[in-house]
Structures are given as structure tokens and as C-alpha cells.
């Protein structure tokens, strides 16, 4: 295969064959195809797109470039959940222990923060001692024992995707549906799942702002072709989810949720996605039954206890579930208050997300260190009526300069005006292989 010929063909609107994708991913993962050629091909795909057959072929090739997590011997349904990225989205931290406490195996492979969006791995690593770098053998053993593991993509799974993902980020070729869908699904399908639930974010704070339904359809189709049923819910990201934004702060809020004290919007999204997981798993017959099961698991303490066991198994301090004060604590704290009376019109998540990066909760470069203690707790929501001087949020920072930056971010993100505020419905649509329908809670 002559790589330049493939690039030329895709540049001119042609197709890449399955055989070529296998050779390309094998060669790129092995180092025989250089970054500059793969970058050219990715840009051609970004501009010209790929058809369904090409997308499926790329997905297969990326799976075949590495090892699979074979869990077929585990006598439980195997369900994972994936979010397309947002601000304050700590749902995975609740769902993994909650759903696994109800007899479902949850091999939850997650990622780090990207751009303005937070990453589940960064949040988990704010727990003292917690290890997210697990080998496939370690993941397999933990799922056999506990029914759940929380881990990152290792060098073993889809190594071609791992390299291409980094290259896409560096070449402004991230926002292409075929590349996003194949990247996500190659990792998920390598987990030998029996079902997958997607949380597709909508609104100004979503990582992908304009392609939510098309992306959901593309991933559902890839799952269907591989015998893995996929359901997607479209959820709002025109404001942060929950109150806490920042790694340790979000872990603390997730613990509150597992102890039946979580914010209403966070719990509603958690229950909605969890119900889809339990129905897909065959553990619950209806979504209503699934919600009852989840509430009982939380009220009885089973879900929180499962989280403790997962934390301990992965080297973390399980005492944080009973005493969140053991999580990293910010050195400086200050309240942000309303500057005048009115209605909260916006709590802009993208501004908050980039503000978190500025405080040190996220990365500008891959090798940047993260301060797990910093962030925001924002109690204001669009539509709230507020009075001048009323507390709307709290900044958690490393020093006085961080407080100044954080207060400035909140002043730009929280917009108070007059008259009613418009906001997206918390959960708007449900997408399956049968099509798109309005979500009915």
C-alpha cells in the first residue's frame, strides 16, 4: 500500500478500503507510518467525511490493532456508560458502583479532561492512592471479584486509536463524527460488552455542540453491527451538572449522591442513565422498576459500600466515603455573591470549564500537573430569582491569585438579567436503533 495514494484518494472524496484501514492502523501503531502522513489523512477525512462502511472498517481496524478485554466468562451482563463530555459531569462516579451493586458487571473505561471538559480519571485520581492505570489482567480479576473496575485506556487496547486521538487533538481534526464514533466505539467494543449507554451532551458547554444526534446515531449503528445494543440519552450542558465543578469537589458530590444527598439534576440524570443500563442488562423489566432498584441500593447503603470496595481494590483510601474531608482541600476559599437583583439567565459551562483549567484543575498541555483541590461549587441555576448580595457560588483555589481568577470567571459565567430565563430540558431525547424520540421521564 502506498500511503500517499490513499491520502490523495480521500482528499478527492474517495473511500479507504477495510484492507487499507487495517494496514494503516497497524503501520501507525507500529511506527512505520509517520505522524505527518496520518495527520494529512485525518484532515482529508475531517473535510470529506467517511461513509458508514468506512467508519465501521476503521472501528474494526482500531480494535484489531490491540488486545481485547475478554469478559465472556463472567456470568453477569456487562454494561458500560460513556459521556461525550461536559462540565460538572460526575455521573460515572455514581453509576459504576450503583449499577454494579445491582448485579451488573461494569467495566468502565474512562478518559482524562479534554479542552474545557472534565475527565473521570482525573476525578478518581484526586482520591488519595487511587490507581486508574490497570492492566487488562488486573481489570479482569477485579471484575471477577467485585463486578466493577474504573480504569483508563491502556496501551493494550486499541493502540492505534490512542495515537490517532492524540494526533487529532494536535491537528484540529477532533470534531468529525466518523472519527469520534470510531474512536469511542473501538474502545467500548473491545470490552466485550453486552450493552452500552451513551450520555450525549447538548448545549453551549458540550464538547461537540452541533452534532449530538448524528453522533449518537453513528455510535448506535456501530454497536448494532457488532452485536452490542446501544441506547443514548441527550442531556443538557447549557449549564454545569450538579453544583460541584473540580476534581475532588466532584468526588465529594458523587459521594453525597451515593448517600442520597445529591443535587436533584445530578440524581435525575444518574437515574435516567442507570435505568437504561439496568433494562439493557435484563436486570429490570421497566425503567420504573430500575429506578426503584437504584433508590433502594442508595437508601440501604449498598451503593456507597460498593464504591468503598472499588476504591480499596484500586489502592485508594476508602475512608473518604465516610469522611470526604480526607480528600484534597483547597488553601483559599471565597464566596461569590450577586451584584444586583434579578433572574439568573445563564451559568455558562464553557466559561466555567476553561476557568477550571486556569485554576489548575485541568490541563493546557498533556504533561501539566493537576491541583485536585481547586474548583467551584455553584448553587445558582438558570431561572433562579436572586437578590443583591445573595451567595451564588464558592471559589476553591490554591492561593489569593487563584481566588481572584476564580471570582473573575464567575462574574463572566453567571449572568443575571430581567425577565424569564431559557434553558434546555435536562433530558430531551432518547435515541435507539429504532430512531429518535422525545424523552418521557
Protein backbone atom coordinates (compact mmCIF):
# COMPACT_ATOMS: atom_id res chain seq x y z
CA UNK A 1 0.00 0.00 0.00
CA UNK A 2 1.27 3.47 -0.90
CA UNK A 3 0.03 5.81 1.81
CA UNK A 4 0.19 8.94 -0.34
CA UNK A 5 -2.20 7.35 -2.85
CA UNK A 6 -4.72 6.69 -0.06
CA UNK A 7 -4.41 10.29 1.15
CA UNK A 8 -4.93 11.59 -2.39
CA UNK A 9 -8.00 9.41 -2.90
CA UNK A 10 -9.61 10.53 0.37
CA UNK A 11 -8.66 14.15 -0.35
CA UNK A 12 -10.57 13.87 -3.62
CA UNK A 13 -13.65 12.33 -1.99
CA UNK A 14 -12.89 8.63 -2.46
CA UNK A 15 -13.03 5.72 0.01
CA UNK A 16 -10.49 3.94 2.18
CA UNK A 17 -10.99 0.16 2.00
CA UNK A 18 -11.10 -2.17 5.03
CA UNK A 19 -7.78 -3.74 3.97
CA UNK A 20 -6.19 -0.29 3.78
CA UNK A 21 -7.51 0.68 7.20
CA UNK A 22 -6.02 -2.47 8.71
CA UNK A 23 -2.66 -1.67 7.13
CA UNK A 24 -2.85 2.00 8.13
CA UNK A 25 -3.72 1.37 11.79
CA UNK A 26 -1.19 -1.44 12.09
CA UNK A 27 1.51 0.68 10.50
CA UNK A 28 0.71 3.79 12.53
CA UNK A 29 0.55 1.92 15.84
CA UNK A 30 3.83 0.20 14.95
CA UNK A 31 5.60 3.41 13.98
CA UNK A 32 6.15 2.69 10.26
CA UNK A 33 3.65 5.34 9.16
CA UNK A 34 4.73 8.81 10.34
CA UNK A 35 2.57 11.40 12.07
CA UNK A 36 2.65 13.76 9.09
CA UNK A 37 1.02 11.22 6.78
CA UNK A 38 -1.63 10.21 9.28
CA UNK A 39 -2.31 13.90 10.03
CA UNK A 40 -2.88 14.52 6.31
CA UNK A 41 -5.29 11.61 6.10
CA UNK A 42 -7.18 12.78 9.20
CA UNK A 43 -7.58 16.26 7.75
CA UNK A 44 -8.86 14.78 4.50
CA UNK A 45 -11.42 12.79 6.49
CA UNK A 46 -12.34 15.88 8.51
CA UNK A 47 -13.05 17.79 5.28
CA UNK A 48 -14.52 14.96 3.14
CA UNK A 49 -16.09 12.67 5.73
CA UNK A 50 -16.46 8.89 5.63
CA UNK A 51 -19.42 6.68 4.77
CA UNK A 52 -20.85 4.10 7.16
CA UNK A 53 -18.80 1.27 5.70
CA UNK A 54 -15.55 3.19 6.10
CA UNK A 55 -16.41 4.15 9.67
CA UNK A 56 -17.15 0.52 10.55
CA UNK A 57 -13.91 -0.60 8.87
CA UNK A 58 -11.86 1.96 10.82
CA UNK A 59 -13.53 0.86 14.06
CA UNK A 60 -12.71 -2.79 13.38
CA UNK A 61 -9.14 -1.96 12.41
CA UNK A 62 -8.55 0.01 15.62
CA UNK A 63 -9.97 -2.84 17.72
CA UNK A 64 -7.71 -5.32 15.91
CA UNK A 65 -4.65 -3.12 16.48
CA UNK A 66 -4.52 -4.26 20.12
CA UNK A 67 -5.84 -6.67 22.72
CA UNK A 68 -9.43 -7.15 23.88
CA UNK A 69 -10.77 -7.28 27.40
CA UNK A 70 -12.38 -10.73 27.26
CA UNK A 71 -15.07 -10.94 29.93
CA UNK A 72 -17.22 -13.55 28.21
CA UNK A 73 -16.65 -15.96 31.13
CA UNK A 74 -18.15 -13.51 33.66
CA UNK A 75 -21.68 -14.79 34.47
CA UNK A 76 -23.18 -11.29 34.53
CA UNK A 77 -24.44 -8.84 31.92
CA UNK A 78 -21.65 -6.39 31.01
CA UNK A 79 -22.78 -2.78 30.58
CA UNK A 80 -20.73 0.41 30.29
CA UNK A 81 -21.68 4.08 30.01
CA UNK A 82 -19.97 6.86 28.09
CA UNK A 83 -20.45 10.64 28.15
CA UNK A 84 -19.46 12.90 25.27
CA UNK A 85 -18.08 15.41 27.77
CA UNK A 86 -19.27 18.32 29.88
CA UNK A 87 -18.68 20.44 32.97
CA UNK A 88 -19.59 19.17 36.44
CA UNK A 89 -20.46 15.77 34.97
CA UNK A 90 -19.57 13.27 37.68
CA UNK A 91 -22.32 10.78 36.77
CA UNK A 92 -19.86 7.94 36.06
CA UNK A 93 -18.62 8.13 39.66
CA UNK A 94 -22.16 7.35 40.84
CA UNK A 95 -23.24 4.91 38.15
CA UNK A 96 -20.32 2.49 38.32
CA UNK A 97 -20.77 1.47 41.98
CA UNK A 98 -24.56 1.89 41.87
CA UNK A 99 -25.17 -0.36 38.86
CA UNK A 100 -22.57 -2.94 39.88
CA UNK A 101 -24.21 -3.18 43.31
CA UNK A 102 -27.32 -4.45 41.47
CA UNK A 103 -25.75 -7.47 39.80
CA UNK A 104 -24.32 -5.96 36.61
CA UNK A 105 -20.64 -6.07 35.61
CA UNK A 106 -19.43 -2.54 34.83
CA UNK A 107 -16.03 -2.36 33.11
CA UNK A 108 -15.90 1.44 32.97
CA UNK A 109 -13.09 2.69 30.77
CA UNK A 110 -12.82 6.48 31.07
CA UNK A 111 -10.65 9.35 29.90
CA UNK A 112 -8.95 12.49 31.15
CA UNK A 113 -10.10 16.07 30.81
CA UNK A 114 -10.07 17.42 27.25
CA UNK A 115 -10.31 21.13 26.48
CA UNK A 116 -12.86 22.68 28.84
CA UNK A 117 -14.44 19.34 29.78
CA UNK A 118 -13.53 17.33 32.87
CA UNK A 119 -12.21 13.76 32.92
CA UNK A 120 -13.34 10.88 35.10
CA UNK A 121 -9.78 9.61 35.56
CA UNK A 122 -8.62 12.99 36.92
CA UNK A 123 -11.50 12.97 39.37
CA UNK A 124 -10.77 9.45 40.56
CA UNK A 125 -7.08 10.24 40.99
CA UNK A 126 -7.99 13.01 43.45
CA UNK A 127 -8.79 10.14 45.83
CA UNK A 128 -5.53 9.54 47.75
CA UNK A 129 -3.77 6.46 46.37
CA UNK A 130 -6.37 5.58 43.71
CA UNK A 131 -4.87 3.77 40.69
CA UNK A 132 -6.51 4.13 37.28
CA UNK A 133 -3.63 2.57 35.31
CA UNK A 134 -4.64 -1.08 35.40
CA UNK A 135 -3.51 -3.88 33.12
CA UNK A 136 -6.17 -5.92 31.38
CA UNK A 137 -5.37 -8.81 33.71
CA UNK A 138 -5.97 -6.54 36.72
CA UNK A 139 -9.24 -5.28 35.26
CA UNK A 140 -10.38 -8.83 34.53
CA UNK A 141 -9.55 -10.02 38.05
CA UNK A 142 -11.29 -7.08 39.71
CA UNK A 143 -14.45 -7.51 37.67
CA UNK A 144 -14.50 -11.21 38.54
CA UNK A 145 -14.23 -10.26 42.23
CA UNK A 146 -16.24 -7.01 42.52
CA UNK A 147 -18.16 -6.68 39.26
CA UNK A 148 -16.64 -3.28 38.53
CA UNK A 149 -13.37 -1.58 37.61
CA UNK A 150 -12.69 2.10 36.88
CA UNK A 151 -9.71 2.43 34.55
CA UNK A 152 -8.15 4.29 31.66
CA UNK A 153 -7.30 3.14 28.17
CA UNK A 154 -4.14 1.09 28.47
CA UNK A 155 -1.50 0.60 25.80
CA UNK A 156 -3.04 -2.83 25.21
CA UNK A 157 -6.48 -1.68 23.99
CA UNK A 158 -6.83 0.00 20.58
CA UNK A 159 -3.29 1.46 20.48
CA UNK A 160 -3.91 2.90 17.02
CA UNK A 161 -6.82 4.90 18.41
CA UNK A 162 -4.69 6.12 21.30
CA UNK A 163 -2.10 7.57 18.91
CA UNK A 164 -4.67 8.92 16.47
CA UNK A 165 -6.65 10.57 19.27
CA UNK A 166 -3.57 12.49 20.43
CA UNK A 167 -2.81 13.48 16.83
CA UNK A 168 -6.38 14.66 16.22
CA UNK A 169 -6.17 16.90 19.27
CA UNK A 170 -2.93 18.44 17.94
CA UNK A 171 -4.20 18.93 14.37
CA UNK A 172 -7.71 20.35 14.93
CA UNK A 173 -9.41 17.26 13.49
CA UNK A 174 -11.33 16.22 16.61
CA UNK A 175 -14.86 17.31 15.62
CA UNK A 176 -15.61 14.81 12.87
CA UNK A 177 -18.44 12.35 13.51
CA UNK A 178 -16.80 9.28 11.87
CA UNK A 179 -13.56 9.83 13.80
CA UNK A 180 -15.32 10.45 17.12
CA UNK A 181 -17.68 7.50 16.72
CA UNK A 182 -14.96 5.05 15.70
CA UNK A 183 -12.65 6.24 18.48
CA UNK A 184 -15.25 5.82 21.23
CA UNK A 185 -16.73 2.59 19.93
CA UNK A 186 -13.39 0.87 19.23
CA UNK A 187 -12.57 1.14 22.94
CA UNK A 188 -16.04 0.18 24.14
CA UNK A 189 -16.42 -2.78 21.78
CA UNK A 190 -13.01 -4.05 22.89
CA UNK A 191 -14.53 -4.53 26.37
CA UNK A 192 -16.80 -7.39 25.17
CA UNK A 193 -19.88 -5.53 26.38
CA UNK A 194 -23.44 -6.83 26.22
CA UNK A 195 -24.77 -3.26 26.16
CA UNK A 196 -23.71 0.39 26.19
CA UNK A 197 -25.48 3.58 27.31
CA UNK A 198 -24.41 6.95 25.93
CA UNK A 199 -24.88 10.35 27.55
CA UNK A 200 -24.79 12.75 24.60
CA UNK A 201 -24.43 16.33 25.80
CA UNK A 202 -26.29 19.24 24.18
CA UNK A 203 -25.77 22.97 24.55
CA UNK A 204 -23.03 25.56 24.81
CA UNK A 205 -20.92 23.53 27.24
CA UNK A 206 -20.93 20.31 25.26
CA UNK A 207 -17.61 19.28 23.77
CA UNK A 208 -19.43 18.76 20.47
CA UNK A 209 -22.07 21.47 20.16
CA UNK A 210 -23.83 20.82 16.85
CA UNK A 211 -23.61 17.10 16.07
CA UNK A 212 -25.23 15.42 19.07
CA UNK A 213 -27.98 13.39 17.38
CA UNK A 214 -25.87 12.39 14.37
CA UNK A 215 -23.06 11.23 16.65
CA UNK A 216 -25.48 9.19 18.75
CA UNK A 217 -26.92 7.54 15.64
CA UNK A 218 -23.44 6.71 14.32
CA UNK A 219 -22.37 5.03 17.57
CA UNK A 220 -25.67 3.16 17.89
CA UNK A 221 -25.24 1.79 14.39
CA UNK A 222 -21.67 0.66 15.10
CA UNK A 223 -22.87 -1.11 18.24
CA UNK A 224 -25.70 -2.78 16.34
CA UNK A 225 -23.28 -4.08 13.70
CA UNK A 226 -21.14 -5.64 16.44
CA UNK A 227 -24.00 -7.22 18.38
CA UNK A 228 -23.84 -4.67 21.20
CA UNK A 229 -27.14 -2.81 21.74
CA UNK A 230 -26.64 0.91 22.41
CA UNK A 231 -29.07 3.46 23.86
CA UNK A 232 -28.35 7.20 24.03
CA UNK A 233 -29.93 9.96 26.08
CA UNK A 234 -29.46 13.61 25.11
CA UNK A 235 -28.83 15.65 28.26
CA UNK A 236 -28.40 19.38 28.86
CA UNK A 237 -24.99 21.01 29.04
CA UNK A 238 -26.03 24.66 28.74
CA UNK A 239 -25.23 24.86 32.47
CA UNK A 240 -22.98 22.71 34.69
CA UNK A 241 -24.47 19.47 36.00
CA UNK A 242 -24.91 19.44 39.77
CA UNK A 243 -23.16 22.06 41.88
CA UNK A 244 -19.51 20.95 42.16
CA UNK A 245 -17.00 21.63 39.36
CA UNK A 246 -13.46 20.42 40.03
CA UNK A 247 -11.92 17.04 40.72
CA UNK A 248 -12.06 16.43 44.50
CA UNK A 249 -15.17 18.60 44.79
CA UNK A 250 -16.96 16.40 42.25
CA UNK A 251 -15.90 13.22 44.05
CA UNK A 252 -17.38 14.67 47.23
CA UNK A 253 -20.64 15.48 45.43
CA UNK A 254 -20.75 11.98 43.91
CA UNK A 255 -20.38 10.51 47.40
CA UNK A 256 -23.26 12.73 48.55
CA UNK A 257 -25.32 11.30 45.69
CA UNK A 258 -24.50 7.72 46.72
CA UNK A 259 -25.61 8.67 50.23
CA UNK A 260 -28.97 10.04 48.99
CA UNK A 261 -27.93 13.67 49.36
CA UNK A 262 -27.06 14.62 45.78
CA UNK A 263 -28.39 17.63 43.82
CA UNK A 264 -31.70 17.00 42.07
CA UNK A 265 -30.42 17.46 38.50
CA UNK A 266 -27.41 15.19 39.04
CA UNK A 267 -29.57 12.45 40.51
CA UNK A 268 -32.17 12.68 37.73
CA UNK A 269 -29.53 12.20 35.02
CA UNK A 270 -27.95 9.38 37.05
CA UNK A 271 -31.27 7.57 37.48
CA UNK A 272 -32.22 8.03 33.82
CA UNK A 273 -28.94 6.62 32.50
CA UNK A 274 -28.86 3.92 35.17
CA UNK A 275 -32.37 2.80 34.27
CA UNK A 276 -31.25 2.33 30.65
CA UNK A 277 -28.27 0.28 31.86
CA UNK A 278 -30.39 -1.99 34.06
CA UNK A 279 -33.02 -2.58 31.37
CA UNK A 280 -30.32 -3.32 28.76
CA UNK A 281 -28.78 -5.75 31.25
CA UNK A 282 -32.10 -7.54 31.71
CA UNK A 283 -31.93 -6.95 35.47
CA UNK A 284 -35.02 -4.72 35.41
CA UNK A 285 -38.09 -5.16 33.20
CA UNK A 286 -39.07 -1.49 33.10
CA UNK A 287 -37.41 1.85 33.68
CA UNK A 288 -39.70 2.42 36.65
CA UNK A 289 -38.59 -0.86 38.23
CA UNK A 290 -34.97 0.14 37.59
CA UNK A 291 -35.40 3.46 39.35
CA UNK A 292 -36.90 1.71 42.39
CA UNK A 293 -33.94 -0.69 42.48
CA UNK A 294 -31.42 2.17 42.34
CA UNK A 295 -33.16 4.14 45.07
CA UNK A 296 -33.17 1.07 47.32
CA UNK A 297 -29.46 0.46 46.65
CA UNK A 298 -28.70 4.05 47.67
CA UNK A 299 -31.03 4.18 50.68
CA UNK A 300 -29.72 0.88 52.01
CA UNK A 301 -26.08 1.97 51.73
CA UNK A 302 -25.20 -0.80 49.25
CA UNK A 303 -24.09 1.61 46.53
CA UNK A 304 -21.82 3.62 48.83
CA UNK A 305 -20.36 0.41 50.26
CA UNK A 306 -19.61 -0.83 46.73
CA UNK A 307 -17.76 2.42 46.00
CA UNK A 308 -15.64 1.87 49.11
CA UNK A 309 -14.73 -1.63 47.96
CA UNK A 310 -13.79 -0.39 44.49
CA UNK A 311 -11.63 2.39 45.94
CA UNK A 312 -9.85 -0.04 48.28
CA UNK A 313 -9.27 -2.57 45.48
CA UNK A 314 -7.61 0.13 43.35
CA UNK A 315 -5.29 1.35 46.10
CA UNK A 316 -7.32 4.33 47.27
CA UNK A 317 -8.40 5.38 50.75
CA UNK A 318 -11.96 4.03 51.25
CA UNK A 319 -12.44 6.23 54.31
CA UNK A 320 -13.22 9.18 52.02
CA UNK A 321 -16.75 7.80 51.56
CA UNK A 322 -17.48 8.30 55.26
CA UNK A 323 -15.23 11.36 55.62
CA UNK A 324 -14.86 13.41 52.40
CA UNK A 325 -12.65 15.85 54.34
CA UNK A 326 -9.85 13.33 53.66
CA UNK A 327 -9.94 14.43 50.02
CA UNK A 328 -7.52 17.20 48.96
CA UNK A 329 -8.62 20.56 50.39
CA UNK A 330 -8.14 23.99 48.83
CA UNK A 331 -5.94 26.53 50.65
CA UNK A 332 -8.14 29.53 49.86
CA UNK A 333 -11.93 29.80 49.74
CA UNK A 334 -14.20 32.75 48.93
CA UNK A 335 -17.89 33.26 48.25
CA UNK A 336 -19.20 34.92 45.06
CA UNK A 337 -22.39 36.93 45.52
CA UNK A 338 -24.97 38.51 43.22
CA UNK A 339 -24.10 42.10 42.28
CA UNK A 340 -27.75 43.08 41.76
CA UNK A 341 -31.32 41.74 41.93
CA UNK A 342 -32.70 39.75 39.02
CA UNK A 343 -33.03 36.37 37.38
CA UNK A 344 -30.12 34.07 36.67
CA UNK A 345 -30.18 33.88 32.87
CA UNK A 346 -27.02 31.83 32.32
CA UNK A 347 -24.40 29.81 34.12
CA UNK A 348 -22.10 29.40 31.13
CA UNK A 349 -20.40 25.97 31.39
CA UNK A 350 -17.71 26.59 28.80
CA UNK A 351 -16.52 29.67 30.71
CA UNK A 352 -16.57 27.63 33.93
CA UNK A 353 -14.67 24.79 32.27
CA UNK A 354 -11.88 26.97 30.95
CA UNK A 355 -11.85 28.74 34.32
CA UNK A 356 -11.17 25.40 35.98
CA UNK A 357 -8.20 24.90 33.67
CA UNK A 358 -6.94 28.35 34.66
CA UNK A 359 -7.19 27.43 38.34
CA UNK A 360 -5.16 24.25 37.75
CA UNK A 361 -8.00 21.71 37.75
CA UNK A 362 -7.36 20.86 34.08
CA UNK A 363 -4.50 20.80 31.60
CA UNK A 364 -3.22 23.08 28.88
CA UNK A 365 -0.55 20.52 27.94
CA UNK A 366 -0.70 16.75 28.34
CA UNK A 367 2.08 16.74 30.94
CA UNK A 368 0.61 19.53 33.11
CA UNK A 369 0.15 18.67 36.78
CA UNK A 370 -3.36 19.00 38.21
CA UNK A 371 -4.37 20.54 41.52
CA UNK A 372 -7.18 18.19 42.60
CA UNK A 373 -8.47 20.54 45.31
CA UNK A 374 -9.45 23.60 43.26
CA UNK A 375 -12.73 24.41 41.58
CA UNK A 376 -16.16 25.91 42.07
CA UNK A 377 -19.35 24.99 43.88
CA UNK A 378 -22.15 26.83 42.07
CA UNK A 379 -25.60 26.83 43.64
CA UNK A 380 -27.16 29.25 41.12
CA UNK A 381 -29.20 27.76 38.27
CA UNK A 382 -30.86 29.45 35.27
CA UNK A 383 -34.27 30.73 36.31
CA UNK A 384 -33.36 31.39 39.95
CA UNK A 385 -34.57 34.70 41.39
CA UNK A 386 -31.72 36.31 43.34
CA UNK A 387 -31.15 39.38 45.48
CA UNK A 388 -28.10 41.62 45.57
CA UNK A 389 -25.53 40.18 47.96
CA UNK A 390 -27.01 36.66 47.85
CA UNK A 391 -24.32 33.92 47.69
CA UNK A 392 -24.35 32.20 44.29
CA UNK A 393 -21.13 30.18 44.29
CA UNK A 394 -17.87 29.47 46.10
CA UNK A 395 -14.33 29.54 44.71
CA UNK A 396 -11.81 26.97 45.94
CA UNK A 397 -8.25 27.94 45.00
CA UNK A 398 -4.60 27.37 45.81
CA UNK A 399 -3.85 30.98 46.76
CA UNK A 400 -5.17 34.54 46.68
CA UNK A 401 -4.30 34.93 42.99
CA UNK A 402 -6.39 31.82 42.29
CA UNK A 403 -9.29 33.36 44.21
CA UNK A 404 -9.06 36.50 42.08
CA UNK A 405 -9.08 34.45 38.88
CA UNK A 406 -11.98 32.33 40.11
CA UNK A 407 -14.13 35.31 41.07
CA UNK A 408 -13.48 36.86 37.66
CA UNK A 409 -14.57 33.61 35.96
CA UNK A 410 -17.80 33.51 37.93
CA UNK A 411 -18.53 37.17 37.15
CA UNK A 412 -18.33 36.31 33.43
CA UNK A 413 -20.13 32.97 33.65
CA UNK A 414 -23.12 33.82 35.86
CA UNK A 415 -25.34 36.27 34.00
CA UNK A 416 -28.15 37.97 35.92
CA UNK A 417 -30.83 39.81 33.96
CA UNK A 418 -34.51 40.64 33.98
CA UNK A 419 -37.40 38.51 32.80
CA UNK A 420 -37.60 34.75 32.31
CA UNK A 421 -34.57 32.60 31.52
CA UNK A 422 -34.44 30.00 28.78
CA UNK A 423 -32.78 26.65 29.40
CA UNK A 424 -32.66 23.28 27.67
CA UNK A 425 -34.67 20.42 29.18
CA UNK A 426 -32.44 18.36 31.44
CA UNK A 427 -33.07 15.23 29.32
CA UNK A 428 -34.56 15.90 25.91
CA UNK A 429 -34.32 12.81 23.69
CA UNK A 430 -33.84 9.05 23.72
CA UNK A 431 -32.07 7.51 20.75
CA UNK A 432 -32.06 3.81 19.84
CA UNK A 433 -31.61 1.75 16.69
CA UNK A 434 -35.32 2.45 16.06
CA UNK A 435 -34.78 6.20 15.89
CA UNK A 436 -35.04 9.41 17.95
CA UNK A 437 -37.92 10.08 20.33
CA UNK A 438 -38.67 12.74 22.93
CA UNK A 439 -37.67 11.62 26.40
CA UNK A 440 -40.52 10.86 28.75
CA UNK A 441 -39.44 10.57 32.38
